[in-house]
Amino acid sequence: MSAGYRDAAAGWEIYKSSGFTLTLAQINDILRSQGHRPIAPRTFDHYQRLRREGVPSYVPINQFDVDLSRHRGSKQPFMPPGGQLG
């Protein structure tokens, strides 16, 4: 069974709290130890996109894509859901 929202959100918090230094395998080891399902490489790639855009809280892949597409063409800087990281 694949990871669900809670698993992916937990993985994001683990990755973020590490200072974005963990690998996919390390995140999955921690997730399993906490009773979560492992995330897929696509989710890990998504974490990197969230980091680049400064998103502080986990946003699902499809919702993030919608948010970005709505922002395209705007002259305002992108404000991710939940504000900026850091």
N, C-alpha and C. Protein backbone atom coordinates (compact mmCIF):
# COMPACT_ATOMS: atom_id res chain seq x y z
N MET A 1 0.84 -1.18 0.00
CA MET A 1 0.00 0.00 0.00
C MET A 1 0.89 1.24 0.00
N SER A 2 0.48 2.25 -0.73
CA SER A 2 1.30 3.46 -0.84
C SER A 2 1.03 4.43 0.31
N ALA A 3 1.93 5.37 0.44
CA ALA A 3 1.81 6.38 1.49
C ALA A 3 0.59 7.26 1.25
N GLY A 4 -0.07 7.64 2.32
CA GLY A 4 -1.19 8.55 2.25
C GLY A 4 -0.76 9.94 2.69
N TYR A 5 -1.74 10.83 2.81
CA TYR A 5 -1.48 12.21 3.20
C TYR A 5 -0.70 12.30 4.52
N ARG A 6 -1.15 11.58 5.53
CA ARG A 6 -0.48 11.66 6.85
C ARG A 6 0.96 11.18 6.79
N ASP A 7 1.19 10.14 5.99
CA ASP A 7 2.56 9.63 5.84
C ASP A 7 3.44 10.68 5.16
N ALA A 8 2.93 11.25 4.07
CA ALA A 8 3.68 12.26 3.33
C ALA A 8 3.92 13.51 4.17
N ALA A 9 2.91 13.93 4.92
CA ALA A 9 3.07 15.10 5.79
C ALA A 9 4.10 14.83 6.89
N ALA A 10 4.07 13.62 7.45
CA ALA A 10 5.06 13.26 8.48
C ALA A 10 6.46 13.24 7.87
N GLY A 11 6.58 12.71 6.67
CA GLY A 11 7.87 12.68 5.99
C GLY A 11 8.41 14.09 5.73
N TRP A 12 7.51 15.01 5.35
CA TRP A 12 7.92 16.40 5.13
C TRP A 12 8.46 17.01 6.43
N GLU A 13 7.78 16.76 7.54
CA GLU A 13 8.25 17.30 8.82
C GLU A 13 9.60 16.71 9.22
N ILE A 14 9.78 15.42 8.96
CA ILE A 14 11.07 14.77 9.23
C ILE A 14 12.17 15.40 8.38
N TYR A 15 11.89 15.55 7.10
CA TYR A 15 12.87 16.14 6.17
C TYR A 15 13.20 17.57 6.57
N LYS A 16 12.17 18.35 6.86
CA LYS A 16 12.35 19.75 7.23
C LYS A 16 13.16 19.87 8.54
N SER A 17 12.81 19.04 9.53
CA SER A 17 13.50 19.13 10.82
C SER A 17 14.96 18.69 10.73
N SER A 18 15.32 17.96 9.69
CA SER A 18 16.71 17.54 9.50
C SER A 18 17.54 18.64 8.83
N GLY A 19 16.90 19.75 8.52
CA GLY A 19 17.60 20.79 7.76
C GLY A 19 17.71 20.41 6.29
N PHE A 20 16.79 19.55 5.84
CA PHE A 20 16.73 19.09 4.45
C PHE A 20 17.98 18.31 4.05
N THR A 21 18.50 17.52 5.00
CA THR A 21 19.73 16.78 4.73
C THR A 21 19.53 15.28 4.53
N LEU A 22 18.35 14.77 4.87
CA LEU A 22 18.13 13.32 4.79
C LEU A 22 17.87 12.86 3.37
N THR A 23 18.21 11.62 3.11
CA THR A 23 17.90 10.99 1.83
C THR A 23 16.51 10.36 1.89
N LEU A 24 16.02 9.94 0.76
CA LEU A 24 14.74 9.24 0.70
C LEU A 24 14.77 8.00 1.59
N ALA A 25 15.84 7.23 1.51
CA ALA A 25 15.95 6.00 2.32
C ALA A 25 15.93 6.32 3.81
N GLN A 26 16.62 7.37 4.21
CA GLN A 26 16.64 7.74 5.63
C GLN A 26 15.26 8.19 6.11
N ILE A 27 14.58 8.98 5.30
CA ILE A 27 13.23 9.42 5.65
C ILE A 27 12.32 8.20 5.80
N ASN A 28 12.41 7.28 4.85
CA ASN A 28 11.56 6.09 4.90
C ASN A 28 11.86 5.21 6.11
N ASP A 29 13.11 5.11 6.49
CA ASP A 29 13.46 4.35 7.70
C ASP A 29 12.80 4.97 8.93
N ILE A 30 12.85 6.29 9.03
CA ILE A 30 12.23 6.98 10.18
C ILE A 30 10.72 6.84 10.12
N LEU A 31 10.14 7.01 8.94
CA LEU A 31 8.69 6.85 8.81
C LEU A 31 8.25 5.47 9.28
N ARG A 32 8.93 4.43 8.82
CA ARG A 32 8.58 3.06 9.22
C ARG A 32 8.69 2.90 10.74
N SER A 33 9.74 3.48 11.32
CA SER A 33 9.94 3.33 12.77
C SER A 33 8.84 4.03 13.56
N GLN A 34 8.17 5.00 12.93
CA GLN A 34 7.07 5.73 13.57
C GLN A 34 5.70 5.18 13.18
N GLY A 35 5.70 4.05 12.46
CA GLY A 35 4.44 3.41 12.09
C GLY A 35 3.79 3.96 10.83
N HIS A 36 4.54 4.72 10.04
CA HIS A 36 4.02 5.26 8.78
C HIS A 36 4.46 4.39 7.62
N ARG A 37 3.79 4.58 6.50
CA ARG A 37 4.20 3.92 5.26
C ARG A 37 5.29 4.76 4.59
N PRO A 38 6.18 4.12 3.84
CA PRO A 38 7.25 4.86 3.15
C PRO A 38 6.71 5.69 1.99
N ILE A 39 7.41 6.78 1.72
CA ILE A 39 7.03 7.64 0.60
C ILE A 39 7.73 7.17 -0.67
N ALA A 40 7.21 7.59 -1.80
CA ALA A 40 7.77 7.25 -3.11
C ALA A 40 8.79 8.31 -3.54
N PRO A 41 9.65 7.98 -4.49
CA PRO A 41 10.60 8.98 -5.01
C PRO A 41 9.89 10.25 -5.51
N ARG A 42 8.72 10.10 -6.09
CA ARG A 42 7.96 11.27 -6.57
C ARG A 42 7.63 12.22 -5.41
N THR A 43 7.31 11.67 -4.25
CA THR A 43 7.01 12.50 -3.08
C THR A 43 8.27 13.19 -2.59
N PHE A 44 9.39 12.49 -2.61
CA PHE A 44 10.65 13.10 -2.20
C PHE A 44 11.01 14.25 -3.15
N ASP A 45 10.80 14.05 -4.45
CA ASP A 45 11.03 15.14 -5.42
C ASP A 45 10.12 16.33 -5.10
N HIS A 46 8.89 16.03 -4.72
CA HIS A 46 7.93 17.08 -4.35
C HIS A 46 8.43 17.85 -3.12
N TYR A 47 8.99 17.16 -2.15
CA TYR A 47 9.55 17.84 -0.98
C TYR A 47 10.59 18.88 -1.41
N GLN A 48 11.39 18.51 -2.39
CA GLN A 48 12.42 19.44 -2.86
C GLN A 48 11.80 20.66 -3.53
N ARG A 49 10.70 20.46 -4.23
CA ARG A 49 9.98 21.60 -4.83
C ARG A 49 9.39 22.49 -3.73
N LEU A 50 8.81 21.87 -2.71
CA LEU A 50 8.26 22.65 -1.60
C LEU A 50 9.36 23.49 -0.95
N ARG A 51 10.50 22.88 -0.76
CA ARG A 51 11.63 23.61 -0.15
C ARG A 51 12.04 24.79 -1.03
N ARG A 52 12.20 24.55 -2.33
CA ARG A 52 12.62 25.63 -3.24
C ARG A 52 11.64 26.80 -3.21
N GLU A 53 10.35 26.50 -3.06
CA GLU A 53 9.33 27.55 -3.05
C GLU A 53 9.10 28.15 -1.66
N GLY A 54 9.78 27.58 -0.66
CA GLY A 54 9.68 28.12 0.69
C GLY A 54 8.40 27.79 1.43
N VAL A 55 7.82 26.64 1.11
CA VAL A 55 6.56 26.25 1.75
C VAL A 55 6.83 25.63 3.12
N PRO A 56 6.26 26.18 4.18
CA PRO A 56 6.56 25.69 5.53
C PRO A 56 5.80 24.43 5.93
N SER A 57 4.60 24.24 5.40
CA SER A 57 3.75 23.10 5.77
C SER A 57 3.52 22.23 4.55
N TYR A 58 3.32 20.95 4.79
CA TYR A 58 3.11 20.04 3.67
C TYR A 58 1.85 20.38 2.90
N VAL A 59 1.99 20.42 1.57
CA VAL A 59 0.88 20.62 0.65
C VAL A 59 0.94 19.46 -0.34
N PRO A 60 -0.17 18.73 -0.55
CA PRO A 60 -0.15 17.61 -1.50
C PRO A 60 0.28 18.06 -2.90
N ILE A 61 0.84 17.15 -3.64
CA ILE A 61 1.38 17.43 -4.98
C ILE A 61 0.35 18.13 -5.87
N ASN A 62 -0.83 17.57 -6.00
CA ASN A 62 -1.82 18.15 -6.92
C ASN A 62 -2.26 19.53 -6.47
N GLN A 63 -2.45 19.72 -5.17
CA GLN A 63 -2.85 21.04 -4.67
C GLN A 63 -1.76 22.07 -4.92
N PHE A 64 -0.52 21.68 -4.72
CA PHE A 64 0.60 22.58 -4.96
C PHE A 64 0.67 22.98 -6.42
N ASP A 65 0.46 22.01 -7.31
CA ASP A 65 0.47 22.31 -8.75
C ASP A 65 -0.64 23.31 -9.10
N VAL A 66 -1.82 23.14 -8.50
CA VAL A 66 -2.93 24.06 -8.74
C VAL A 66 -2.57 25.45 -8.23
N ASP A 67 -2.01 25.53 -7.03
CA ASP A 67 -1.62 26.81 -6.46
C ASP A 67 -0.61 27.53 -7.35
N LEU A 68 0.38 26.79 -7.84
CA LEU A 68 1.38 27.39 -8.71
C LEU A 68 0.77 27.84 -10.04
N SER A 69 -0.12 27.03 -10.60
CA SER A 69 -0.71 27.39 -11.90
C SER A 69 -1.59 28.63 -11.76
N ARG A 70 -2.24 28.79 -10.64
CA ARG A 70 -3.06 29.99 -10.42
C ARG A 70 -2.19 31.23 -10.28
N HIS A 71 -0.98 31.04 -9.82
CA HIS A 71 -0.08 32.17 -9.61
C HIS A 71 0.61 32.61 -10.90
N ARG A 72 0.77 31.71 -11.85
CA ARG A 72 1.47 32.05 -13.10
C ARG A 72 0.86 33.29 -13.72
N GLY A 73 1.70 34.18 -14.18
CA GLY A 73 1.25 35.40 -14.80
C GLY A 73 1.06 36.54 -13.81
N SER A 74 1.09 36.23 -12.53
CA SER A 74 0.95 37.26 -11.51
C SER A 74 2.27 38.02 -11.38
N LYS A 75 2.18 39.28 -11.12
CA LYS A 75 3.38 40.09 -10.90
C LYS A 75 3.84 40.03 -9.43
N GLN A 76 3.01 39.45 -8.58
CA GLN A 76 3.33 39.32 -7.16
C GLN A 76 4.20 38.09 -6.94
N PRO A 77 5.11 38.12 -5.96
CA PRO A 77 5.88 36.92 -5.64
C PRO A 77 4.94 35.80 -5.17
N PHE A 78 5.30 34.58 -5.47
CA PHE A 78 4.50 33.44 -5.07
C PHE A 78 4.48 33.35 -3.54
N MET A 79 3.31 33.29 -2.97
CA MET A 79 3.16 33.10 -1.51
C MET A 79 2.57 31.72 -1.31
N PRO A 80 3.39 30.77 -0.88
CA PRO A 80 2.90 29.41 -0.71
C PRO A 80 1.87 29.34 0.41
N PRO A 81 1.03 28.30 0.35
CA PRO A 81 0.08 28.09 1.44
C PRO A 81 0.82 28.00 2.77
N GLY A 82 0.34 28.72 3.76
CA GLY A 82 0.98 28.68 5.08
C GLY A 82 2.12 29.66 5.24
N GLY A 83 2.40 30.47 4.22
CA GLY A 83 3.47 31.46 4.32
C GLY A 83 4.82 30.92 3.88
N GLN A 84 5.84 31.68 4.11
CA GLN A 84 7.20 31.34 3.69
C GLN A 84 7.94 30.54 4.77
N LEU A 85 8.87 29.70 4.33
CA LEU A 85 9.75 28.98 5.24
C LEU A 85 10.74 29.95 5.85
N GLY A 86 11.17 29.66 7.06
CA GLY A 86 12.27 30.37 7.67
C GLY A 86 11.92 31.66 8.26
